[in-house]
Amino acid sequence: LRLSCAASGNIFGIYVMGWYRVAPGKQRELVADITSGGGTDYADSVK
């Protein structure tokens, strides 16, 4: 699957965007994020 997220409004200055998830019965966790410079970070479970 491919997820998309479109940002609008006061978008100037957004330095990082990412995806989090909440699974049934679990806490929110970071899935992946990416900085304005292209640096990325991933949860071990999705690498």
All heavy atoms as atom14 arrays in JSON, in Angstrom:
{
  "sequence": "LRLSCAASGNIFGIYVMGWYRVAPGKQRELVADITSGGGTDYADSVK",
  "atom14_mask": [
    [1, 1, 1, 1, 1, 1, 1, 1, 0, 0, 0, 0, 0, 0],
    [1, 1, 1, 1, 1, 1, 1, 1, 1, 1, 1, 0, 0, 0],
    [1, 1, 1, 1, 1, 1, 1, 1, 0, 0, 0, 0, 0, 0],
    [1, 1, 1, 1, 1, 1, 0, 0, 0, 0, 0, 0, 0, 0],
    [1, 1, 1, 1, 1, 1, 0, 0, 0, 0, 0, 0, 0, 0],
    [1, 1, 1, 1, 1, 0, 0, 0, 0, 0, 0, 0, 0, 0],
    [1, 1, 1, 1, 1, 0, 0, 0, 0, 0, 0, 0, 0, 0],
    [1, 1, 1, 1, 1, 1, 0, 0, 0, 0, 0, 0, 0, 0],
    [1, 1, 1, 1, 0, 0, 0, 0, 0, 0, 0, 0, 0, 0],
    [1, 1, 1, 1, 1, 1, 1, 1, 0, 0, 0, 0, 0, 0],
    [1, 1, 1, 1, 1, 1, 1, 1, 0, 0, 0, 0, 0, 0],
    [1, 1, 1, 1, 1, 1, 1, 1, 1, 1, 1, 0, 0, 0],
    [1, 1, 1, 1, 0, 0, 0, 0, 0, 0, 0, 0, 0, 0],
    [1, 1, 1, 1, 1, 1, 1, 1, 0, 0, 0, 0, 0, 0],
    [1, 1, 1, 1, 1, 1, 1, 1, 1, 1, 1, 1, 0, 0],
    [1, 1, 1, 1, 1, 1, 1, 0, 0, 0, 0, 0, 0, 0],
    [1, 1, 1, 1, 1, 1, 1, 1, 0, 0, 0, 0, 0, 0],
    [1, 1, 1, 1, 0, 0, 0, 0, 0, 0, 0, 0, 0, 0],
    [1, 1, 1, 1, 1, 1, 1, 1, 1, 1, 1, 1, 1, 1],
    [1, 1, 1, 1, 1, 1, 1, 1, 1, 1, 1, 1, 0, 0],
    [1, 1, 1, 1, 1, 1, 1, 1, 1, 1, 1, 0, 0, 0],
    [1, 1, 1, 1, 1, 1, 1, 0, 0, 0, 0, 0, 0, 0],
    [1, 1, 1, 1, 1, 0, 0, 0, 0, 0, 0, 0, 0, 0],
    [1, 1, 1, 1, 1, 1, 1, 0, 0, 0, 0, 0, 0, 0],
    [1, 1, 1, 1, 0, 0, 0, 0, 0, 0, 0, 0, 0, 0],
    [1, 1, 1, 1, 1, 1, 1, 1, 1, 0, 0, 0, 0, 0],
    [1, 1, 1, 1, 1, 1, 1, 1, 1, 0, 0, 0, 0, 0],
    [1, 1, 1, 1, 1, 1, 1, 1, 1, 1, 1, 0, 0, 0],
    [1, 1, 1, 1, 1, 1, 1, 1, 1, 0, 0, 0, 0, 0],
    [1, 1, 1, 1, 1, 1, 1, 1, 0, 0, 0, 0, 0, 0],
    [1, 1, 1, 1, 1, 1, 1, 0, 0, 0, 0, 0, 0, 0],
    [1, 1, 1, 1, 1, 0, 0, 0, 0, 0, 0, 0, 0, 0],
    [1, 1, 1, 1, 1, 1, 1, 1, 0, 0, 0, 0, 0, 0],
    [1, 1, 1, 1, 1, 1, 1, 1, 0, 0, 0, 0, 0, 0],
    [1, 1, 1, 1, 1, 1, 1, 0, 0, 0, 0, 0, 0, 0],
    [1, 1, 1, 1, 1, 1, 0, 0, 0, 0, 0, 0, 0, 0],
    [1, 1, 1, 1, 0, 0, 0, 0, 0, 0, 0, 0, 0, 0],
    [1, 1, 1, 1, 0, 0, 0, 0, 0, 0, 0, 0, 0, 0],
    [1, 1, 1, 1, 0, 0, 0, 0, 0, 0, 0, 0, 0, 0],
    [1, 1, 1, 1, 1, 1, 1, 0, 0, 0, 0, 0, 0, 0],
    [1, 1, 1, 1, 1, 1, 1, 1, 0, 0, 0, 0, 0, 0],
    [1, 1, 1, 1, 1, 1, 1, 1, 1, 1, 1, 1, 0, 0],
    [1, 1, 1, 1, 1, 0, 0, 0, 0, 0, 0, 0, 0, 0],
    [1, 1, 1, 1, 1, 1, 1, 1, 0, 0, 0, 0, 0, 0],
    [1, 1, 1, 1, 1, 1, 0, 0, 0, 0, 0, 0, 0, 0],
    [1, 1, 1, 1, 1, 1, 1, 0, 0, 0, 0, 0, 0, 0],
    [1, 1, 1, 1, 1, 1, 1, 1, 1, 0, 0, 0, 0, 0]
  ],
  "atom14_positions": [
    [[0.86, -1.18, 0.0], [0.0, 0.0, 0.0], [0.89, 1.23, 0.0], [2.03, 1.18, 0.49], [-0.9, 0.06, 1.24], [-2.18, -0.78, 1.28], [-2.84, -0.62, 2.65], [-3.13, -0.4, 0.16], [0.0, 0.0, 0.0], [0.0, 0.0, 0.0], [0.0, 0.0, 0.0], [0.0, 0.0, 0.0], [0.0, 0.0, 0.0], [0.0, 0.0, 0.0]],
    [[0.35, 2.32, -0.52], [1.07, 3.59, -0.49], [0.18, 4.63, 0.17], [-0.92, 4.91, -0.32], [1.45, 4.04, -1.89], [2.36, 5.27, -1.93], [2.41, 5.83, -3.32], [3.52, 6.75, -3.52], [3.53, 7.72, -4.44], [2.49, 7.86, -5.26], [4.58, 8.5, -4.56], [0.0, 0.0, 0.0], [0.0, 0.0, 0.0], [0.0, 0.0, 0.0]],
    [[0.66, 5.18, 1.26], [-0.05, 6.25, 1.95], [0.47, 7.6, 1.49], [1.66, 7.75, 1.23], [0.12, 6.12, 3.47], [-0.27, 4.79, 4.11], [-0.11, 4.88, 5.63], [-1.68, 4.38, 3.74], [0.0, 0.0, 0.0], [0.0, 0.0, 0.0], [0.0, 0.0, 0.0], [0.0, 0.0, 0.0], [0.0, 0.0, 0.0], [0.0, 0.0, 0.0]],
    [[-0.43, 8.56, 1.43], [-0.06, 9.93, 1.09], [-0.57, 10.87, 2.16], [-1.61, 10.63, 2.77], [-0.65, 10.33, -0.26], [-0.22, 9.49, -1.3], [0.0, 0.0, 0.0], [0.0, 0.0, 0.0], [0.0, 0.0, 0.0], [0.0, 0.0, 0.0], [0.0, 0.0, 0.0], [0.0, 0.0, 0.0], [0.0, 0.0, 0.0], [0.0, 0.0, 0.0]],
    [[0.16, 11.95, 2.36], [-0.25, 12.98, 3.3], [0.05, 14.34, 2.68], [1.21, 14.66, 2.43], [0.48, 12.84, 4.63], [0.2, 14.19, 5.78], [0.0, 0.0, 0.0], [0.0, 0.0, 0.0], [0.0, 0.0, 0.0], [0.0, 0.0, 0.0], [0.0, 0.0, 0.0], [0.0, 0.0, 0.0], [0.0, 0.0, 0.0], [0.0, 0.0, 0.0]],
    [[-1.01, 15.09, 2.44], [-0.86, 16.42, 1.85], [-0.97, 17.48, 2.93], [-1.93, 17.48, 3.71], [-1.92, 16.63, 0.78], [0.0, 0.0, 0.0], [0.0, 0.0, 0.0], [0.0, 0.0, 0.0], [0.0, 0.0, 0.0], [0.0, 0.0, 0.0], [0.0, 0.0, 0.0], [0.0, 0.0, 0.0], [0.0, 0.0, 0.0], [0.0, 0.0, 0.0]],
    [[-0.01, 18.38, 2.97], [0.0, 19.47, 3.94], [-0.46, 20.76, 3.29], [-0.12, 21.05, 2.14], [1.4, 19.65, 4.51], [0.0, 0.0, 0.0], [0.0, 0.0, 0.0], [0.0, 0.0, 0.0], [0.0, 0.0, 0.0], [0.0, 0.0, 0.0], [0.0, 0.0, 0.0], [0.0, 0.0, 0.0], [0.0, 0.0, 0.0], [0.0, 0.0, 0.0]],
    [[-1.23, 21.54, 4.03], [-1.67, 22.85, 3.56], [-1.73, 23.81, 4.74], [-1.59, 23.42, 5.89], [-3.03, 22.74, 2.86], [-4.02, 22.28, 3.77], [0.0, 0.0, 0.0], [0.0, 0.0, 0.0], [0.0, 0.0, 0.0], [0.0, 0.0, 0.0], [0.0, 0.0, 0.0], [0.0, 0.0, 0.0], [0.0, 0.0, 0.0], [0.0, 0.0, 0.0]],
    [[-1.95, 25.08, 4.42], [-1.96, 26.09, 5.48], [-0.61, 26.75, 5.61], [0.06, 27.02, 4.62], [0.0, 0.0, 0.0], [0.0, 0.0, 0.0], [0.0, 0.0, 0.0], [0.0, 0.0, 0.0], [0.0, 0.0, 0.0], [0.0, 0.0, 0.0], [0.0, 0.0, 0.0], [0.0, 0.0, 0.0], [0.0, 0.0, 0.0], [0.0, 0.0, 0.0]],
    [[-0.16, 26.96, 6.85], [1.13, 27.59, 7.12], [2.25, 26.55, 7.04], [2.78, 26.1, 8.04], [1.13, 28.25, 8.49], [0.23, 29.46, 8.53], [0.03, 30.15, 7.53], [-0.34, 29.73, 9.69], [0.0, 0.0, 0.0], [0.0, 0.0, 0.0], [0.0, 0.0, 0.0], [0.0, 0.0, 0.0], [0.0, 0.0, 0.0], [0.0, 0.0, 0.0]],
    [[2.58, 26.16, 5.82], [3.52, 25.07, 5.64], [4.97, 25.53, 5.68], [5.88, 24.71, 5.82], [3.25, 24.33, 4.32], [3.37, 25.33, 3.14], [1.89, 23.66, 4.35], [3.25, 24.67, 1.8], [0.0, 0.0, 0.0], [0.0, 0.0, 0.0], [0.0, 0.0, 0.0], [0.0, 0.0, 0.0], [0.0, 0.0, 0.0], [0.0, 0.0, 0.0]],
    [[5.21, 26.84, 5.57], [6.57, 27.32, 5.63], [7.15, 27.01, 7.0], [6.54, 27.29, 8.02], [6.64, 28.83, 5.38], [8.04, 29.38, 5.46], [8.91, 29.25, 4.39], [8.5, 30.0, 6.62], [10.2, 29.73, 4.45], [9.79, 30.5, 6.7], [10.64, 30.36, 5.61], [0.0, 0.0, 0.0], [0.0, 0.0, 0.0], [0.0, 0.0, 0.0]],
    [[8.32, 26.42, 7.0], [8.97, 26.11, 8.26], [8.75, 24.7, 8.77], [9.28, 24.33, 9.83], [0.0, 0.0, 0.0], [0.0, 0.0, 0.0], [0.0, 0.0, 0.0], [0.0, 0.0, 0.0], [0.0, 0.0, 0.0], [0.0, 0.0, 0.0], [0.0, 0.0, 0.0], [0.0, 0.0, 0.0], [0.0, 0.0, 0.0], [0.0, 0.0, 0.0]],
    [[7.99, 23.89, 8.04], [7.86, 22.48, 8.43], [9.21, 21.83, 8.22], [9.74, 21.83, 7.11], [6.79, 21.77, 7.59], [5.39, 22.31, 7.93], [6.83, 20.26, 7.86], [4.28, 21.7, 7.09], [0.0, 0.0, 0.0], [0.0, 0.0, 0.0], [0.0, 0.0, 0.0], [0.0, 0.0, 0.0], [0.0, 0.0, 0.0], [0.0, 0.0, 0.0]],
    [[9.78, 21.29, 9.27], [11.12, 20.71, 9.17], [11.11, 19.19, 9.18], [12.1, 18.57, 8.78], [12.02, 21.24, 10.28], [11.54, 20.87, 11.68], [11.95, 19.7, 12.29], [10.69, 21.7, 12.38], [11.5, 19.36, 13.55], [10.24, 21.39, 13.64], [10.64, 20.21, 14.22], [10.19, 19.88, 15.47], [0.0, 0.0, 0.0], [0.0, 0.0, 0.0]],
    [[10.03, 18.61, 9.65], [9.96, 17.15, 9.65], [8.51, 16.73, 9.43], [7.58, 17.37, 9.93], [10.51, 16.54, 10.96], [9.69, 16.98, 12.15], [10.57, 15.02, 10.88], [0.0, 0.0, 0.0], [0.0, 0.0, 0.0], [0.0, 0.0, 0.0], [0.0, 0.0, 0.0], [0.0, 0.0, 0.0], [0.0, 0.0, 0.0], [0.0, 0.0, 0.0]],
    [[8.35, 15.69, 8.65], [7.04, 15.05, 8.47], [7.21, 13.57, 8.67], [8.28, 13.01, 8.35], [6.46, 15.36, 7.1], [6.12, 16.83, 6.88], [5.31, 17.15, 5.32], [3.68, 16.44, 5.62], [0.0, 0.0, 0.0], [0.0, 0.0, 0.0], [0.0, 0.0, 0.0], [0.0, 0.0, 0.0], [0.0, 0.0, 0.0], [0.0, 0.0, 0.0]],
    [[6.18, 12.95, 9.18], [6.33, 11.53, 9.44], [5.01, 10.81, 9.57], [3.94, 11.43, 9.45], [0.0, 0.0, 0.0], [0.0, 0.0, 0.0], [0.0, 0.0, 0.0], [0.0, 0.0, 0.0], [0.0, 0.0, 0.0], [0.0, 0.0, 0.0], [0.0, 0.0, 0.0], [0.0, 0.0, 0.0], [0.0, 0.0, 0.0], [0.0, 0.0, 0.0]],
    [[5.13, 9.52, 9.81], [3.97, 8.65, 9.99], [4.09, 7.95, 11.33], [5.16, 7.41, 11.66], [3.9, 7.62, 8.87], [3.58, 8.21, 7.54], [4.46, 8.62, 6.58], [2.27, 8.46, 7.02], [3.79, 9.12, 5.5], [2.43, 9.03, 5.74], [0.98, 8.26, 7.49], [1.36, 9.4, 4.93], [-0.09, 8.63, 6.69], [0.11, 9.19, 5.43]],
    [[3.01, 7.97, 12.06], [2.89, 7.21, 13.29], [1.72, 6.25, 13.11], [0.88, 6.43, 12.23], [2.6, 8.14, 14.48], [3.77, 8.99, 14.89], [4.2, 10.06, 14.11], [4.45, 8.74, 16.08], [5.28, 10.85, 14.49], [5.53, 9.53, 16.48], [5.93, 10.57, 15.68], [6.99, 11.35, 16.06], [0.0, 0.0, 0.0], [0.0, 0.0, 0.0]],
    [[1.66, 5.25, 13.98], [0.53, 4.34, 13.92], [0.1, 3.93, 15.32], [0.9, 3.92, 16.25], [0.86, 3.11, 13.08], [1.92, 2.18, 13.67], [2.26, 1.08, 12.67], [3.28, 0.17, 13.18], [3.85, -0.8, 12.47], [3.5, -0.99, 11.2], [4.76, -1.58, 13.02], [0.0, 0.0, 0.0], [0.0, 0.0, 0.0], [0.0, 0.0, 0.0]],
    [[-1.18, 3.6, 15.41], [-1.75, 3.1, 16.64], [-2.43, 1.77, 16.3], [-3.43, 1.74, 15.57], [-2.78, 4.08, 17.25], [-3.35, 3.49, 18.54], [-2.12, 5.42, 17.55], [0.0, 0.0, 0.0], [0.0, 0.0, 0.0], [0.0, 0.0, 0.0], [0.0, 0.0, 0.0], [0.0, 0.0, 0.0], [0.0, 0.0, 0.0], [0.0, 0.0, 0.0]],
    [[-1.85, 0.69, 16.78], [-2.41, -0.63, 16.56], [-3.38, -0.96, 17.69], [-3.3, -0.39, 18.78], [-1.29, -1.66, 16.51], [0.0, 0.0, 0.0], [0.0, 0.0, 0.0], [0.0, 0.0, 0.0], [0.0, 0.0, 0.0], [0.0, 0.0, 0.0], [0.0, 0.0, 0.0], [0.0, 0.0, 0.0], [0.0, 0.0, 0.0], [0.0, 0.0, 0.0]],
    [[-4.31, -1.88, 17.44], [-5.29, -2.24, 18.48], [-4.6, -2.66, 19.77], [-3.73, -3.54, 19.77], [-6.05, -3.4, 17.85], [-5.93, -3.18, 16.38], [-4.57, -2.59, 16.18], [0.0, 0.0, 0.0], [0.0, 0.0, 0.0], [0.0, 0.0, 0.0], [0.0, 0.0, 0.0], [0.0, 0.0, 0.0], [0.0, 0.0, 0.0], [0.0, 0.0, 0.0]],
    [[-4.95, -2.0, 20.86], [-4.41, -2.35, 22.15], [-2.99, -1.9, 22.41], [-2.39, -2.27, 23.42], [0.0, 0.0, 0.0], [0.0, 0.0, 0.0], [0.0, 0.0, 0.0], [0.0, 0.0, 0.0], [0.0, 0.0, 0.0], [0.0, 0.0, 0.0], [0.0, 0.0, 0.0], [0.0, 0.0, 0.0], [0.0, 0.0, 0.0], [0.0, 0.0, 0.0]],
    [[-2.43, -1.09, 21.51], [-1.05, -0.66, 21.66], [-0.94, 0.86, 21.67], [-1.87, 1.57, 21.3], [-0.19, -1.24, 20.55], [-0.08, -2.74, 20.57], [0.94, -3.25, 19.57], [1.11, -4.75, 19.64], [2.12, -5.25, 18.68], [0.0, 0.0, 0.0], [0.0, 0.0, 0.0], [0.0, 0.0, 0.0], [0.0, 0.0, 0.0], [0.0, 0.0, 0.0]],
    [[0.21, 1.34, 22.1], [0.45, 2.77, 22.11], [0.91, 3.26, 20.74], [1.39, 2.47, 19.92], [1.51, 3.1, 23.18], [1.04, 2.87, 24.61], [2.06, 3.32, 25.64], [3.25, 3.36, 25.37], [1.58, 3.7, 26.81], [0.0, 0.0, 0.0], [0.0, 0.0, 0.0], [0.0, 0.0, 0.0], [0.0, 0.0, 0.0], [0.0, 0.0, 0.0]],
    [[0.8, 4.53, 20.56], [1.25, 5.14, 19.33], [2.76, 4.96, 19.18], [3.5, 5.1, 20.14], [0.92, 6.63, 19.32], [1.27, 7.36, 18.03], [0.86, 8.8, 18.11], [1.59, 9.52, 19.13], [1.23, 10.71, 19.62], [0.12, 11.28, 19.18], [1.96, 11.31, 20.53], [0.0, 0.0, 0.0], [0.0, 0.0, 0.0], [0.0, 0.0, 0.0]],
    [[3.18, 4.65, 17.96], [4.6, 4.5, 17.71], [4.99, 5.19, 16.41], [4.19, 5.26, 15.47], [5.0, 3.02, 17.63], [4.4, 2.25, 16.48], [5.0, 0.85, 16.3], [6.06, 0.57, 16.9], [4.4, 0.07, 15.55], [0.0, 0.0, 0.0], [0.0, 0.0, 0.0], [0.0, 0.0, 0.0], [0.0, 0.0, 0.0], [0.0, 0.0, 0.0]],
    [[6.22, 5.66, 16.38], [6.75, 6.24, 15.15], [7.0, 5.12, 14.15], [7.62, 4.12, 14.48], [8.04, 6.98, 15.43], [8.82, 7.47, 14.21], [8.05, 8.59, 13.5], [10.22, 7.94, 14.59], [0.0, 0.0, 0.0], [0.0, 0.0, 0.0], [0.0, 0.0, 0.0], [0.0, 0.0, 0.0], [0.0, 0.0, 0.0], [0.0, 0.0, 0.0]],
    [[6.54, 5.32, 12.93], [6.81, 4.38, 11.85], [8.03, 4.86, 11.05], [8.99, 4.14, 10.85], [5.6, 4.24, 10.91], [5.93, 3.3, 9.76], [4.39, 3.74, 11.68], [0.0, 0.0, 0.0], [0.0, 0.0, 0.0], [0.0, 0.0, 0.0], [0.0, 0.0, 0.0], [0.0, 0.0, 0.0], [0.0, 0.0, 0.0], [0.0, 0.0, 0.0]],
    [[7.97, 6.11, 10.6], [9.07, 6.7, 9.84], [8.89, 8.2, 9.78], [7.76, 8.69, 9.84], [9.1, 6.13, 8.41], [0.0, 0.0, 0.0], [0.0, 0.0, 0.0], [0.0, 0.0, 0.0], [0.0, 0.0, 0.0], [0.0, 0.0, 0.0], [0.0, 0.0, 0.0], [0.0, 0.0, 0.0], [0.0, 0.0, 0.0], [0.0, 0.0, 0.0]],
    [[10.0, 8.91, 9.68], [9.9, 10.34, 9.44], [11.01, 10.8, 8.52], [11.97, 10.07, 8.25], [9.86, 11.17, 10.74], [11.13, 11.04, 11.58], [12.19, 10.69, 11.04], [11.04, 11.3, 12.8], [0.0, 0.0, 0.0], [0.0, 0.0, 0.0], [0.0, 0.0, 0.0], [0.0, 0.0, 0.0], [0.0, 0.0, 0.0], [0.0, 0.0, 0.0]],
    [[10.82, 12.01, 7.99], [11.77, 12.56, 7.03], [11.87, 14.06, 7.25], [10.86, 14.75, 7.41], [11.33, 12.22, 5.58], [12.37, 12.71, 4.57], [9.95, 12.76, 5.27], [12.16, 12.11, 3.17], [0.0, 0.0, 0.0], [0.0, 0.0, 0.0], [0.0, 0.0, 0.0], [0.0, 0.0, 0.0], [0.0, 0.0, 0.0], [0.0, 0.0, 0.0]],
    [[13.09, 14.56, 7.29], [13.31, 15.98, 7.5], [13.25, 16.73, 6.17], [13.25, 16.13, 5.09], [14.66, 16.23, 8.15], [15.7, 15.87, 7.21], [14.82, 15.42, 9.42], [0.0, 0.0, 0.0], [0.0, 0.0, 0.0], [0.0, 0.0, 0.0], [0.0, 0.0, 0.0], [0.0, 0.0, 0.0], [0.0, 0.0, 0.0], [0.0, 0.0, 0.0]],
    [[13.23, 18.04, 6.27], [13.21, 18.86, 5.06], [14.47, 18.65, 4.23], [14.46, 18.86, 3.02], [13.05, 20.33, 5.42], [14.08, 20.74, 6.3], [0.0, 0.0, 0.0], [0.0, 0.0, 0.0], [0.0, 0.0, 0.0], [0.0, 0.0, 0.0], [0.0, 0.0, 0.0], [0.0, 0.0, 0.0], [0.0, 0.0, 0.0], [0.0, 0.0, 0.0]],
    [[15.53, 18.21, 4.88], [16.77, 17.94, 4.16], [16.87, 16.54, 3.6], [17.83, 16.22, 2.9], [0.0, 0.0, 0.0], [0.0, 0.0, 0.0], [0.0, 0.0, 0.0], [0.0, 0.0, 0.0], [0.0, 0.0, 0.0], [0.0, 0.0, 0.0], [0.0, 0.0, 0.0], [0.0, 0.0, 0.0], [0.0, 0.0, 0.0], [0.0, 0.0, 0.0]],
    [[15.87, 15.73, 3.88], [15.84, 14.38, 3.32], [16.32, 13.29, 4.26], [16.32, 12.11, 3.88], [0.0, 0.0, 0.0], [0.0, 0.0, 0.0], [0.0, 0.0, 0.0], [0.0, 0.0, 0.0], [0.0, 0.0, 0.0], [0.0, 0.0, 0.0], [0.0, 0.0, 0.0], [0.0, 0.0, 0.0], [0.0, 0.0, 0.0], [0.0, 0.0, 0.0]],
    [[16.72, 13.63, 5.46], [17.11, 12.62, 6.42], [15.93, 11.8, 6.88], [14.85, 12.34, 7.09], [0.0, 0.0, 0.0], [0.0, 0.0, 0.0], [0.0, 0.0, 0.0], [0.0, 0.0, 0.0], [0.0, 0.0, 0.0], [0.0, 0.0, 0.0], [0.0, 0.0, 0.0], [0.0, 0.0, 0.0], [0.0, 0.0, 0.0], [0.0, 0.0, 0.0]],
    [[16.12, 10.49, 7.01], [15.02, 9.61, 7.36], [15.33, 8.79, 8.6], [16.49, 8.56, 8.95], [14.68, 8.64, 6.2], [15.85, 7.86, 5.9], [14.24, 9.4, 4.97], [0.0, 0.0, 0.0], [0.0, 0.0, 0.0], [0.0, 0.0, 0.0], [0.0, 0.0, 0.0], [0.0, 0.0, 0.0], [0.0, 0.0, 0.0], [0.0, 0.0, 0.0]],
    [[14.27, 8.34, 9.24], [14.37, 7.48, 10.41], [13.21, 6.49, 10.33], [12.1, 6.88, 9.94], [14.29, 8.3, 11.69], [14.65, 7.49, 12.92], [15.38, 6.5, 12.78], [14.19, 7.85, 14.02], [0.0, 0.0, 0.0], [0.0, 0.0, 0.0], [0.0, 0.0, 0.0], [0.0, 0.0, 0.0], [0.0, 0.0, 0.0], [0.0, 0.0, 0.0]],
    [[13.49, 5.23, 10.7], [12.48, 4.18, 10.62], [12.44, 3.37, 11.91], [13.46, 3.16, 12.55], [12.8, 3.2, 9.48], [12.7, 3.78, 8.1], [13.81, 4.34, 7.47], [11.5, 3.75, 7.4], [13.72, 4.87, 6.2], [11.4, 4.26, 6.12], [12.52, 4.83, 5.52], [12.42, 5.34, 4.25], [0.0, 0.0, 0.0], [0.0, 0.0, 0.0]],
    [[11.24, 2.9, 12.22], [11.13, 1.92, 13.29], [11.8, 0.63, 12.84], [11.75, 0.27, 11.65], [9.66, 1.66, 13.6], [0.0, 0.0, 0.0], [0.0, 0.0, 0.0], [0.0, 0.0, 0.0], [0.0, 0.0, 0.0], [0.0, 0.0, 0.0], [0.0, 0.0, 0.0], [0.0, 0.0, 0.0], [0.0, 0.0, 0.0], [0.0, 0.0, 0.0]],
    [[12.42, -0.07, 13.78], [13.11, -1.31, 13.43], [12.17, -2.3, 12.75], [12.57, -3.06, 11.86], [13.72, -1.95, 14.67], [14.93, -1.18, 15.18], [15.5, -0.38, 14.41], [15.3, -1.38, 16.36], [0.0, 0.0, 0.0], [0.0, 0.0, 0.0], [0.0, 0.0, 0.0], [0.0, 0.0, 0.0], [0.0, 0.0, 0.0], [0.0, 0.0, 0.0]],
    [[10.92, -2.3, 13.18], [9.96, -3.28, 12.68], [9.6, -3.09, 11.21], [9.04, -3.99, 10.59], [8.68, -3.25, 13.53], [8.09, -1.95, 13.47], [0.0, 0.0, 0.0], [0.0, 0.0, 0.0], [0.0, 0.0, 0.0], [0.0, 0.0, 0.0], [0.0, 0.0, 0.0], [0.0, 0.0, 0.0], [0.0, 0.0, 0.0], [0.0, 0.0, 0.0]],
    [[9.9, -1.93, 10.65], [9.52, -1.67, 9.25], [10.72, -1.47, 8.33], [10.55, -1.32, 7.12], [8.57, -0.45, 9.14], [7.37, -0.62, 10.06], [9.29, 0.86, 9.4], [0.0, 0.0, 0.0], [0.0, 0.0, 0.0], [0.0, 0.0, 0.0], [0.0, 0.0, 0.0], [0.0, 0.0, 0.0], [0.0, 0.0, 0.0], [0.0, 0.0, 0.0]],
    [[11.91, -1.45, 8.89], [13.12, -1.25, 8.07], [13.22, -2.33, 7.0], [13.04, -3.51, 7.27], [14.37, -1.26, 8.95], [14.57, 0.0, 9.74], [15.84, -0.07, 10.59], [16.01, 1.21, 11.41], [17.2, 1.14, 12.3], [0.0, 0.0, 0.0], [0.0, 0.0, 0.0], [0.0, 0.0, 0.0], [0.0, 0.0, 0.0], [0.0, 0.0, 0.0]]
  ]
}
